[in-house]
C-alpha cells in the first residue's frame, strides 16, 4: 500500500479546438505559466510534442502538455480547487476541445 507521502506527477495533455491559431496556443501556454505561482506545485514543465522518431506507441496529436509535481495527493487535491487553478480553467477552457489527465505516484 502506498502512503500519501509519495510525490505525485500530474500530467495533462491539451488538444486545442480544430480551428485553433498560434495565438490560441500561446494564450494557453501563458495561462499555464500562471499556475507556477501556486506554492503547492514543486516543479512545473510546460511542453509541446517532441520531434522524436515516429513510432506506433507515441501519441503526439496533442498541442500542449503540462507536468506538475506535488509532494503528495493531498496537495494535488488542494490544487484542483485553488483559486488560481480555477481562474486558469475559466479563462482558457474555451481554447481546448479535449484534455487528458494522468496522475502517477512512484511504484517503488
PDB file of N, CA and C in Angstrom:
ATOM      1  N   UNK A   1       0.836  -1.182   0.000  1.00  0.00           N
ATOM      2  CA  UNK A   1       0.000   0.000   0.000  1.00  0.00           C
ATOM      3  C   UNK A   1       0.877   1.240   0.000  1.00  0.00           C
ATOM      4  N   UNK A   2       0.513   2.220  -0.811  1.00  0.00           N
ATOM      5  CA  UNK A   2       1.291   3.451  -0.897  1.00  0.00           C
ATOM      6  C   UNK A   2       0.767   4.477   0.089  1.00  0.00           C
ATOM      7  N   UNK A   3       1.682   5.147   0.753  1.00  0.00           N
ATOM      8  CA  UNK A   3       1.261   6.226   1.645  1.00  0.00           C
ATOM      9  C   UNK A   3       1.106   7.500   0.831  1.00  0.00           C
ATOM     10  N   UNK A   4       0.479   8.484   1.423  1.00  0.00           N
ATOM     11  CA  UNK A   4       0.271   9.755   0.737  1.00  0.00           C
ATOM     12  C   UNK A   4       1.517  10.627   0.750  1.00  0.00           C
ATOM     13  N   UNK A   5       2.651  10.083   1.196  1.00  0.00           N
ATOM     14  CA  UNK A   5       3.885  10.863   1.194  1.00  0.00           C
ATOM     15  C   UNK A   5       4.647  10.714  -0.116  1.00  0.00           C
ATOM     16  N   UNK A   6       4.166   9.876  -1.027  1.00  0.00           N
ATOM     17  CA  UNK A   6       4.819   9.735  -2.322  1.00  0.00           C
ATOM     18  C   UNK A   6       4.568  10.973  -3.171  1.00  0.00           C
ATOM     19  N   UNK A   7       5.596  11.414  -3.833  1.00  0.00           N
ATOM     20  CA  UNK A   7       5.443  12.527  -4.768  1.00  0.00           C
ATOM     21  C   UNK A   7       4.470  12.114  -5.873  1.00  0.00           C
ATOM     22  N   UNK A   8       3.701  13.073  -6.334  1.00  0.00           N
ATOM     23  CA  UNK A   8       2.700  12.808  -7.350  1.00  0.00           C
ATOM     24  C   UNK A   8       3.006  13.643  -8.587  1.00  0.00           C
ATOM     25  N   UNK A   9       2.966  13.008  -9.757  1.00  0.00           N
ATOM     26  CA  UNK A   9       3.089  13.717 -11.029  1.00  0.00           C
ATOM     27  C   UNK A   9       1.698  13.829 -11.635  1.00  0.00           C
ATOM     28  N   UNK A  10       1.341  15.046 -12.012  1.00  0.00           N
ATOM     29  CA  UNK A  10       0.043  15.360 -12.617  1.00  0.00           C
ATOM     30  C   UNK A  10       0.345  15.768 -14.058  1.00  0.00           C
ATOM     31  N   UNK A  11       0.015  14.882 -14.999  1.00  0.00           N
ATOM     32  CA  UNK A  11       0.345  15.096 -16.412  1.00  0.00           C
ATOM     33  C   UNK A  11      -0.935  15.394 -17.179  1.00  0.00           C
ATOM     34  N   UNK A  12      -0.935  16.520 -17.882  1.00  0.00           N
ATOM     35  CA  UNK A  12      -2.137  16.982 -18.576  1.00  0.00           C
ATOM     36  C   UNK A  12      -1.789  17.235 -20.039  1.00  0.00           C
ATOM     37  N   UNK A  13      -2.632  16.730 -20.928  1.00  0.00           N
ATOM     38  CA  UNK A  13      -2.436  16.902 -22.362  1.00  0.00           C
ATOM     39  C   UNK A  13      -3.641  17.650 -22.918  1.00  0.00           C
ATOM     40  N   UNK A  14      -3.368  18.701 -23.704  1.00  0.00           N
ATOM     41  CA  UNK A  14      -4.408  19.563 -24.257  1.00  0.00           C
ATOM     42  C   UNK A  14      -4.465  19.434 -25.770  1.00  0.00           C
ATOM     43  N   UNK A  15      -5.666  19.205 -26.284  1.00  0.00           N
ATOM     44  CA  UNK A  15      -5.938  19.257 -27.708  1.00  0.00           C
ATOM     45  C   UNK A  15      -6.750  20.518 -27.937  1.00  0.00           C
ATOM     46  N   UNK A  16      -6.194  21.452 -28.688  1.00  0.00           N
ATOM     47  CA  UNK A  16      -6.890  22.702 -28.959  1.00  0.00           C
ATOM     48  C   UNK A  16      -8.024  22.464 -29.950  1.00  0.00           C
ATOM     49  N   UNK A  17      -8.946  23.406 -29.994  1.00  0.00           N
ATOM     50  CA  UNK A  17     -10.048  23.300 -30.957  1.00  0.00           C
ATOM     51  C   UNK A  17      -9.481  23.241 -32.366  1.00  0.00           C
ATOM     52  N   UNK A  18     -10.182  22.544 -33.244  1.00  0.00           N
ATOM     53  CA  UNK A  18      -9.695  22.296 -34.594  1.00  0.00           C
ATOM     54  C   UNK A  18      -9.272  23.565 -35.330  1.00  0.00           C
ATOM     55  N   UNK A  19     -10.000  24.637 -35.128  1.00  0.00           N
ATOM     56  CA  UNK A  19      -9.713  25.886 -35.834  1.00  0.00           C
ATOM     57  C   UNK A  19      -8.718  26.773 -35.070  1.00  0.00           C
ATOM     58  N   UNK A  20      -7.953  26.183 -34.146  1.00  0.00           N
ATOM     59  CA  UNK A  20      -7.034  26.983 -33.311  1.00  0.00           C
ATOM     60  C   UNK A  20      -5.964  27.695 -34.146  1.00  0.00           C
ATOM     61  N   UNK A  21      -5.469  28.782 -33.558  1.00  0.00           N
ATOM     62  CA  UNK A  21      -4.393  29.559 -34.172  1.00  0.00           C
ATOM     63  C   UNK A  21      -3.163  29.486 -33.272  1.00  0.00           C
ATOM     64  N   UNK A  22      -2.050  29.976 -33.764  1.00  0.00           N
ATOM     65  CA  UNK A  22      -0.843  30.048 -32.932  1.00  0.00           C
ATOM     66  C   UNK A  22      -1.085  30.986 -31.739  1.00  0.00           C
ATOM     67  N   UNK A  23      -1.913  31.991 -31.928  1.00  0.00           N
ATOM     68  CA  UNK A  23      -2.263  32.895 -30.827  1.00  0.00           C
ATOM     69  C   UNK A  23      -3.001  32.136 -29.718  1.00  0.00           C
ATOM     70  N   UNK A  24      -3.907  31.232 -30.100  1.00  0.00           N
ATOM     71  CA  UNK A  24      -4.627  30.419 -29.114  1.00  0.00           C
ATOM     72  C   UNK A  24      -3.648  29.551 -28.323  1.00  0.00           C
ATOM     73  N   UNK A  25      -2.710  28.952 -29.035  1.00  0.00           N
ATOM     74  CA  UNK A  25      -1.702  28.101 -28.392  1.00  0.00           C
ATOM     75  C   UNK A  25      -0.868  28.933 -27.421  1.00  0.00           C
ATOM     76  N   UNK A  26      -0.439  30.107 -27.847  1.00  0.00           N
ATOM     77  CA  UNK A  26       0.353  30.995 -26.989  1.00  0.00           C
ATOM     78  C   UNK A  26      -0.455  31.439 -25.774  1.00  0.00           C
ATOM     79  N   UNK A  27      -1.750  31.677 -25.975  1.00  0.00           N
ATOM     80  CA  UNK A  27      -2.612  32.087 -24.861  1.00  0.00           C
ATOM     81  C   UNK A  27      -2.731  30.962 -23.828  1.00  0.00           C
ATOM     82  N   UNK A  28      -2.852  29.710 -24.282  1.00  0.00           N
ATOM     83  CA  UNK A  28      -2.906  28.575 -23.363  1.00  0.00           C
ATOM     84  C   UNK A  28      -1.593  28.451 -22.599  1.00  0.00           C
ATOM     85  N   UNK A  29      -0.482  28.546 -23.295  1.00  0.00           N
ATOM     86  CA  UNK A  29       0.828  28.433 -22.643  1.00  0.00           C
ATOM     87  C   UNK A  29       1.002  29.545 -21.611  1.00  0.00           C
ATOM     88  N   UNK A  30       0.598  30.755 -21.951  1.00  0.00           N
ATOM     89  CA  UNK A  30       0.674  31.866 -20.999  1.00  0.00           C
ATOM     90  C   UNK A  30      -0.190  31.587 -19.772  1.00  0.00           C
ATOM     91  N   UNK A  31      -1.386  31.063 -19.986  1.00  0.00           N
ATOM     92  CA  UNK A  31      -2.251  30.721 -18.863  1.00  0.00           C
ATOM     93  C   UNK A  31      -1.634  29.659 -17.972  1.00  0.00           C
ATOM     94  N   UNK A  32      -1.013  28.656 -18.585  1.00  0.00           N
ATOM     95  CA  UNK A  32      -0.352  27.594 -17.817  1.00  0.00           C
ATOM     96  C   UNK A  32       0.805  28.147 -16.994  1.00  0.00           C
ATOM     97  N   UNK A  33       1.534  29.117 -17.536  1.00  0.00           N
ATOM     98  CA  UNK A  33       2.651  29.707 -16.808  1.00  0.00           C
ATOM     99  C   UNK A  33       2.186  30.343 -15.502  1.00  0.00           C
ATOM    100  N   UNK A  34       0.967  30.883 -15.484  1.00  0.00           N
ATOM    101  CA  UNK A  34       0.430  31.490 -14.275  1.00  0.00           C
ATOM    102  C   UNK A  34       0.224  30.499 -13.145  1.00  0.00           C
ATOM    103  N   UNK A  35       0.111  29.206 -13.472  1.00  0.00           N
ATOM    104  CA  UNK A  35      -0.055  28.192 -12.437  1.00  0.00           C
ATOM    105  C   UNK A  35       1.190  28.049 -11.570  1.00  0.00           C
ATOM    106  N   UNK A  36       2.343  28.446 -12.091  1.00  0.00           N
ATOM    107  CA  UNK A  36       3.608  28.318 -11.348  1.00  0.00           C
ATOM    108  C   UNK A  36       3.585  29.114 -10.044  1.00  0.00           C
ATOM    109  N   UNK A  37       2.677  30.068  -9.930  1.00  0.00           N
ATOM    110  CA  UNK A  37       2.568  30.868  -8.702  1.00  0.00           C
ATOM    111  C   UNK A  37       1.936  30.099  -7.550  1.00  0.00           C
ATOM    112  N   UNK A  38       1.361  28.950  -7.824  1.00  0.00           N
ATOM    113  CA  UNK A  38       0.715  28.148  -6.771  1.00  0.00           C
ATOM    114  C   UNK A  38       1.804  27.428  -5.978  1.00  0.00           C
ATOM    115  N   UNK A  39       1.903  27.726  -4.688  1.00  0.00           N
ATOM    116  CA  UNK A  39       3.010  27.196  -3.879  1.00  0.00           C
ATOM    117  C   UNK A  39       2.931  25.694  -3.633  1.00  0.00           C
ATOM    118  N   UNK A  40       1.808  25.063  -3.883  1.00  0.00           N
ATOM    119  CA  UNK A  40       1.692  23.610  -3.733  1.00  0.00           C
ATOM    120  C   UNK A  40       2.493  22.871  -4.804  1.00  0.00           C
ATOM    121  N   UNK A  41       2.746  23.538  -5.935  1.00  0.00           N
ATOM    122  CA  UNK A  41       3.460  22.927  -7.058  1.00  0.00           C
ATOM    123  C   UNK A  41       4.962  22.978  -6.781  1.00  0.00           C
ATOM    124  N   UNK A  42       5.594  21.817  -6.820  1.00  0.00           N
ATOM    125  CA  UNK A  42       7.041  21.735  -6.538  1.00  0.00           C
ATOM    126  C   UNK A  42       7.881  21.813  -7.804  1.00  0.00           C
ATOM    127  N   UNK A  43       7.315  21.444  -8.945  1.00  0.00           N
ATOM    128  CA  UNK A  43       8.015  21.551 -10.232  1.00  0.00           C
ATOM    129  C   UNK A  43       6.946  21.636 -11.319  1.00  0.00           C
ATOM    130  N   UNK A  44       7.276  22.382 -12.384  1.00  0.00           N
ATOM    131  CA  UNK A  44       6.340  22.554 -13.490  1.00  0.00           C
ATOM    132  C   UNK A  44       7.089  22.431 -14.812  1.00  0.00           C
ATOM    133  N   UNK A  45       6.461  21.754 -15.765  1.00  0.00           N
ATOM    134  CA  UNK A  45       7.010  21.639 -17.121  1.00  0.00           C
ATOM    135  C   UNK A  45       5.858  21.862 -18.090  1.00  0.00           C
ATOM    136  N   UNK A  46       5.996  22.848 -18.949  1.00  0.00           N
ATOM    137  CA  UNK A  46       5.020  23.124 -19.996  1.00  0.00           C
ATOM    138  C   UNK A  46       5.696  22.770 -21.305  1.00  0.00           C
ATOM    139  N   UNK A  47       5.065  21.929 -22.112  1.00  0.00           N
ATOM    140  CA  UNK A  47       5.742  21.468 -23.314  1.00  0.00           C
ATOM    141  C   UNK A  47       4.834  21.356 -24.524  1.00  0.00           C
ATOM    142  N   UNK A  48       5.451  21.004 -25.620  1.00  0.00           N
ATOM    143  CA  UNK A  48       4.794  20.703 -26.889  1.00  0.00           C
ATOM    144  C   UNK A  48       5.383  19.372 -27.358  1.00  0.00           C
ATOM    145  N   UNK A  49       4.732  18.692 -28.291  1.00  0.00           N
ATOM    146  CA  UNK A  49       5.251  17.397 -28.739  1.00  0.00           C
ATOM    147  C   UNK A  49       6.703  17.499 -29.228  1.00  0.00           C
ATOM    148  N   UNK A  50       7.500  16.541 -28.797  1.00  0.00           N
ATOM    149  CA  UNK A  50       8.895  16.474 -29.221  1.00  0.00           C
ATOM    150  C   UNK A  50       8.971  15.845 -30.614  1.00  0.00           C
ATOM    151  N   UNK A  51       9.983  16.224 -31.356  1.00  0.00           N
ATOM    152  CA  UNK A  51      10.159  15.640 -32.693  1.00  0.00           C
ATOM    153  C   UNK A  51      11.073  14.424 -32.595  1.00  0.00           C
ATOM    154  N   UNK A  52      10.591  13.419 -31.866  1.00  0.00           N
ATOM    155  CA  UNK A  52      11.322  12.164 -31.732  1.00  0.00           C
ATOM    156  C   UNK A  52      10.952  11.245 -32.892  1.00  0.00           C
ATOM    157  N   UNK A  53      11.638  10.135 -33.002  1.00  0.00           N
ATOM    158  CA  UNK A  53      11.339   9.176 -34.066  1.00  0.00           C
ATOM    159  C   UNK A  53       9.870   8.766 -33.994  1.00  0.00           C
ATOM    160  N   UNK A  54       9.243   8.687 -35.138  1.00  0.00           N
ATOM    161  CA  UNK A  54       7.837   8.289 -35.188  1.00  0.00           C
ATOM    162  C   UNK A  54       7.728   6.796 -34.920  1.00  0.00           C
ATOM    163  N   UNK A  55       6.898   6.448 -33.928  1.00  0.00           N
ATOM    164  CA  UNK A  55       6.639   5.047 -33.587  1.00  0.00           C
ATOM    165  C   UNK A  55       5.165   4.904 -33.245  1.00  0.00           C
ATOM    166  N   UNK A  56       4.628   3.695 -33.379  1.00  0.00           N
ATOM    167  CA  UNK A  56       3.210   3.457 -33.120  1.00  0.00           C
ATOM    168  C   UNK A  56       2.795   3.795 -31.690  1.00  0.00           C
ATOM    169  N   UNK A  57       3.705   3.681 -30.737  1.00  0.00           N
ATOM    170  CA  UNK A  57       3.355   3.886 -29.326  1.00  0.00           C
ATOM    171  C   UNK A  57       3.364   5.352 -28.903  1.00  0.00           C
ATOM    172  N   UNK A  58       3.825   6.236 -29.769  1.00  0.00           N
ATOM    173  CA  UNK A  58       3.932   7.658 -29.425  1.00  0.00           C
ATOM    174  C   UNK A  58       2.692   8.396 -29.909  1.00  0.00           C
ATOM    175  N   UNK A  59       2.079   9.137 -28.979  1.00  0.00           N
ATOM    176  CA  UNK A  59       0.939   9.986 -29.327  1.00  0.00           C
ATOM    177  C   UNK A  59       1.407  11.431 -29.281  1.00  0.00           C
ATOM    178  N   UNK A  60       1.570  12.026 -30.428  1.00  0.00           N
ATOM    179  CA  UNK A  60       1.972  13.435 -30.481  1.00  0.00           C
ATOM    180  C   UNK A  60       0.856  14.272 -31.111  1.00  0.00           C
ATOM    181  N   UNK A  61      -0.383  13.827 -30.919  1.00  0.00           N
ATOM    182  CA  UNK A  61      -1.524  14.519 -31.513  1.00  0.00           C
ATOM    183  C   UNK A  61      -1.972  15.732 -30.693  1.00  0.00           C
ATOM    184  N   UNK A  62      -1.511  15.845 -29.460  1.00  0.00           N
ATOM    185  CA  UNK A  62      -1.859  16.993 -28.611  1.00  0.00           C
ATOM    186  C   UNK A  62      -1.038  18.209 -29.035  1.00  0.00           C
ATOM    187  N   UNK A  63      -1.462  19.389 -28.597  1.00  0.00           N
ATOM    188  CA  UNK A  63      -0.708  20.601 -28.925  1.00  0.00           C
ATOM    189  C   UNK A  63       0.155  21.101 -27.759  1.00  0.00           C
ATOM    190  N   UNK A  64      -0.313  20.935 -26.518  1.00  0.00           N
ATOM    191  CA  UNK A  64       0.398  21.453 -25.349  1.00  0.00           C
ATOM    192  C   UNK A  64       0.278  20.428 -24.225  1.00  0.00           C
ATOM    193  N   UNK A  65       1.357  20.293 -23.447  1.00  0.00           N
ATOM    194  CA  UNK A  65       1.320  19.403 -22.283  1.00  0.00           C
ATOM    195  C   UNK A  65       1.775  20.166 -21.045  1.00  0.00           C
ATOM    196  N   UNK A  66       1.347  19.649 -19.915  1.00  0.00           N
ATOM    197  CA  UNK A  66       1.699  20.220 -18.614  1.00  0.00           C
ATOM    198  C   UNK A  66       2.025  19.071 -17.682  1.00  0.00           C
ATOM    199  N   UNK A  67       3.165  19.160 -16.993  1.00  0.00           N
ATOM    200  CA  UNK A  67       3.505  18.191 -15.956  1.00  0.00           C
ATOM    201  C   UNK A  67       3.780  18.983 -14.685  1.00  0.00           C
ATOM    202  N   UNK A  68       3.049  18.631 -13.636  1.00  0.00           N
ATOM    203  CA  UNK A  68       3.242  19.260 -12.335  1.00  0.00           C
ATOM    204  C   UNK A  68       3.669  18.200 -11.338  1.00  0.00           C
ATOM    205  N   UNK A  69       4.554  18.583 -10.415  1.00  0.00           N
ATOM    206  CA  UNK A  69       4.947  17.672  -9.348  1.00  0.00           C
ATOM    207  C   UNK A  69       4.431  18.229  -8.030  1.00  0.00           C
ATOM    208  N   UNK A  70       3.813  17.349  -7.260  1.00  0.00           N
ATOM    209  CA  UNK A  70       3.318  17.684  -5.924  1.00  0.00           C
ATOM    210  C   UNK A  70       3.973  16.765  -4.907  1.00  0.00           C
ATOM    211  N   UNK A  71       4.034  17.214  -3.662  1.00  0.00           N
ATOM    212  CA  UNK A  71       4.625  16.395  -2.602  1.00  0.00           C
ATOM    213  C   UNK A  71       3.763  15.183  -2.258  1.00  0.00           C
ATOM    214  N   UNK A  72       2.451  15.291  -2.470  1.00  0.00           N
ATOM    215  CA  UNK A  72       1.547  14.208  -2.076  1.00  0.00           C
ATOM    216  C   UNK A  72       0.184  14.401  -2.743  1.00  0.00           C
ATOM    217  N   UNK A  73      -0.693  13.430  -2.573  1.00  0.00           N
ATOM    218  CA  UNK A  73      -2.010  13.501  -3.191  1.00  0.00           C
ATOM    219  C   UNK A  73      -2.863  14.618  -2.591  1.00  0.00           C
ATOM    220  N   UNK A  74      -2.683  14.898  -1.316  1.00  0.00           N
ATOM    221  CA  UNK A  74      -3.465  15.977  -0.688  1.00  0.00           C
ATOM    222  C   UNK A  74      -3.160  17.320  -1.335  1.00  0.00           C
ATOM    223  N   UNK A  75      -1.887  17.577  -1.634  1.00  0.00           N
ATOM    224  CA  UNK A  75      -1.520  18.846  -2.277  1.00  0.00           C
ATOM    225  C   UNK A  75      -2.112  18.933  -3.684  1.00  0.00           C
ATOM    226  N   UNK A  76      -2.149  17.817  -4.416  1.00  0.00           N
ATOM    227  CA  UNK A  76      -2.755  17.815  -5.740  1.00  0.00           C
ATOM    228  C   UNK A  76      -4.249  18.047  -5.632  1.00  0.00           C
ATOM    229  N   UNK A  77      -4.888  17.443  -4.643  1.00  0.00           N
ATOM    230  CA  UNK A  77      -6.324  17.659  -4.433  1.00  0.00           C
ATOM    231  C   UNK A  77      -6.608  19.127  -4.114  1.00  0.00           C
ATOM    232  N   UNK A  78      -5.754  19.742  -3.275  1.00  0.00           N
ATOM    233  CA  UNK A  78      -5.920  21.156  -2.921  1.00  0.00           C
ATOM    234  C   UNK A  78      -5.694  22.046  -4.147  1.00  0.00           C
ATOM    235  N   UNK A  79      -4.772  21.664  -5.008  1.00  0.00           N
ATOM    236  CA  UNK A  79      -4.509  22.398  -6.246  1.00  0.00           C
ATOM    237  C   UNK A  79      -5.764  22.461  -7.115  1.00  0.00           C
ATOM    238  N   UNK A  80      -6.518  21.365  -7.172  1.00  0.00           N
ATOM    239  CA  UNK A  80      -7.697  21.301  -8.035  1.00  0.00           C
ATOM    240  C   UNK A  80      -8.728  22.377  -7.695  1.00  0.00           C
ATOM    241  N   UNK A  81      -8.789  22.777  -6.421  1.00  0.00           N
ATOM    242  CA  UNK A  81      -9.762  23.793  -6.008  1.00  0.00           C
ATOM    243  C   UNK A  81      -9.099  25.126  -5.673  1.00  0.00           C
ATOM    244  N   UNK A  82      -7.804  25.250  -5.969  1.00  0.00           N
ATOM    245  CA  UNK A  82      -7.078  26.502  -5.710  1.00  0.00           C
ATOM    246  C   UNK A  82      -7.641  27.593  -6.622  1.00  0.00           C
ATOM    247  N   UNK A  83      -7.864  28.802  -6.093  1.00  0.00           N
ATOM    248  CA  UNK A  83      -8.433  29.886  -6.908  1.00  0.00           C
ATOM    249  C   UNK A  83      -7.655  30.190  -8.195  1.00  0.00           C
ATOM    250  N   UNK A  84      -6.333  30.083  -8.169  1.00  0.00           N
ATOM    251  CA  UNK A  84      -5.529  30.347  -9.362  1.00  0.00           C
ATOM    252  C   UNK A  84      -5.789  29.287 -10.432  1.00  0.00           C
ATOM    253  N   UNK A  85      -5.908  28.033 -10.022  1.00  0.00           N
ATOM    254  CA  UNK A  85      -6.207  26.952 -10.967  1.00  0.00           C
ATOM    255  C   UNK A  85      -7.610  27.127 -11.544  1.00  0.00           C
ATOM    256  N   UNK A  86      -8.579  27.420 -10.697  1.00  0.00           N
ATOM    257  CA  UNK A  86      -9.952  27.607 -11.162  1.00  0.00           C
ATOM    258  C   UNK A  86     -10.050  28.792 -12.123  1.00  0.00           C
ATOM    259  N   UNK A  87      -9.298  29.867 -11.840  1.00  0.00           N
ATOM    260  CA  UNK A  87      -9.295  31.040 -12.721  1.00  0.00           C
ATOM    261  C   UNK A  87      -8.681  30.685 -14.073  1.00  0.00           C
ATOM    262  N   UNK A  88      -7.612  29.874 -14.073  1.00  0.00           N
ATOM    263  CA  UNK A  88      -6.994  29.425 -15.326  1.00  0.00           C
ATOM    264  C   UNK A  88      -8.008  28.655 -16.167  1.00  0.00           C
ATOM    265  N   UNK A  89      -8.690  27.688 -15.551  1.00  0.00           N
ATOM    266  CA  UNK A  89      -9.667  26.882 -16.286  1.00  0.00           C
ATOM    267  C   UNK A  89     -10.749  27.785 -16.868  1.00  0.00           C
ATOM    268  N   UNK A  90     -11.257  28.706 -16.062  1.00  0.00           N
ATOM    269  CA  UNK A  90     -12.316  29.598 -16.527  1.00  0.00           C
ATOM    270  C   UNK A  90     -11.848  30.475 -17.692  1.00  0.00           C
ATOM    271  N   UNK A  91     -10.608  30.937 -17.611  1.00  0.00           N
ATOM    272  CA  UNK A  91     -10.061  31.843 -18.626  1.00  0.00           C
ATOM    273  C   UNK A  91      -9.698  31.128 -19.932  1.00  0.00           C
ATOM    274  N   UNK A  92      -9.274  29.875 -19.836  1.00  0.00           N
ATOM    275  CA  UNK A  92      -8.704  29.191 -21.008  1.00  0.00           C
ATOM    276  C   UNK A  92      -9.519  28.023 -21.547  1.00  0.00           C
ATOM    277  N   UNK A  93     -10.571  27.597 -20.861  1.00  0.00           N
ATOM    278  CA  UNK A  93     -11.293  26.391 -21.287  1.00  0.00           C
ATOM    279  C   UNK A  93     -11.891  26.509 -22.686  1.00  0.00           C
ATOM    280  N   UNK A  94     -12.123  27.721 -23.152  1.00  0.00           N
ATOM    281  CA  UNK A  94     -12.669  27.895 -24.498  1.00  0.00           C
ATOM    282  C   UNK A  94     -11.659  27.526 -25.591  1.00  0.00           C
ATOM    283  N   UNK A  95     -10.382  27.365 -25.208  1.00  0.00           N
ATOM    284  CA  UNK A  95      -9.333  27.091 -26.184  1.00  0.00           C
ATOM    285  C   UNK A  95      -9.224  25.617 -26.567  1.00  0.00           C
ATOM    286  N   UNK A  96      -9.613  24.717 -25.667  1.00  0.00           N
ATOM    287  CA  UNK A  96      -9.394  23.300 -25.934  1.00  0.00           C
ATOM    288  C   UNK A  96     -10.696  22.559 -26.222  1.00  0.00           C
ATOM    289  N   UNK A  97     -10.503  21.468 -26.989  1.00  0.00           N
ATOM    290  CA  UNK A  97     -11.630  20.580 -27.260  1.00  0.00           C
ATOM    291  C   UNK A  97     -11.531  19.302 -26.442  1.00  0.00           C
ATOM    292  N   UNK A  98     -10.321  18.983 -25.980  1.00  0.00           N
ATOM    293  CA  UNK A  98     -10.111  17.747 -25.222  1.00  0.00           C
ATOM    294  C   UNK A  98      -8.939  17.937 -24.270  1.00  0.00           C
ATOM    295  N   UNK A  99      -9.070  17.327 -23.094  1.00  0.00           N
ATOM    296  CA  UNK A  99      -7.986  17.311 -22.107  1.00  0.00           C
ATOM    297  C   UNK A  99      -7.893  15.906 -21.554  1.00  0.00           C
ATOM    298  N   UNK A 100      -6.678  15.397 -21.429  1.00  0.00           N
ATOM    299  CA  UNK A 100      -6.466  14.091 -20.810  1.00  0.00           C
ATOM    300  C   UNK A 100      -5.503  14.277 -19.648  1.00  0.00           C
ATOM    301  N   UNK A 101      -5.862  13.700 -18.514  1.00  0.00           N
ATOM    302  CA  UNK A 101      -5.044  13.823 -17.307  1.00  0.00           C
ATOM    303  C   UNK A 101      -4.589  12.434 -16.879  1.00  0.00           C
ATOM    304  N   UNK A 102      -3.299  12.314 -16.539  1.00  0.00           N
ATOM    305  CA  UNK A 102      -2.736  11.100 -15.968  1.00  0.00           C
ATOM    306  C   UNK A 102      -2.014  11.486 -14.691  1.00  0.00           C
ATOM    307  N   UNK A 103      -2.447  10.936 -13.554  1.00  0.00           N
ATOM    308  CA  UNK A 103      -1.775  11.179 -12.285  1.00  0.00           C
ATOM    309  C   UNK A 103      -1.018   9.915 -11.899  1.00  0.00           C
ATOM    310  N   UNK A 104       0.192  10.106 -11.397  1.00  0.00           N
ATOM    311  CA  UNK A 104       1.043   8.958 -11.115  1.00  0.00           C
ATOM    312  C   UNK A 104       1.846   9.174  -9.841  1.00  0.00           C
ATOM    313  N   UNK A 105       1.941   8.097  -9.028  1.00  0.00           N
ATOM    314  CA  UNK A 105       2.867   8.109  -7.895  1.00  0.00           C
ATOM    315  C   UNK A 105       3.879   7.001  -8.127  1.00  0.00           C
ATOM    316  N   UNK A 106       4.991   7.071  -7.442  1.00  0.00           N
ATOM    317  CA  UNK A 106       6.057   6.097  -7.627  1.00  0.00           C
ATOM    318  C   UNK A 106       5.593   4.691  -7.248  1.00  0.00           C
ATOM    319  N   UNK A 107       5.951   3.732  -8.059  1.00  0.00           N
ATOM    320  CA  UNK A 107       5.640   2.325  -7.775  1.00  0.00           C
ATOM    321  C   UNK A 107       6.701   1.703  -6.876  1.00  0.00           C
ATOM    322  N   UNK A 108       7.778   2.419  -6.649  1.00  0.00           N
ATOM    323  CA  UNK A 108       8.885   1.879  -5.844  1.00  0.00           C
ATOM    324  C   UNK A 108       8.928   2.488  -4.467  1.00  0.00           C
TER     325      UNK A 108
END
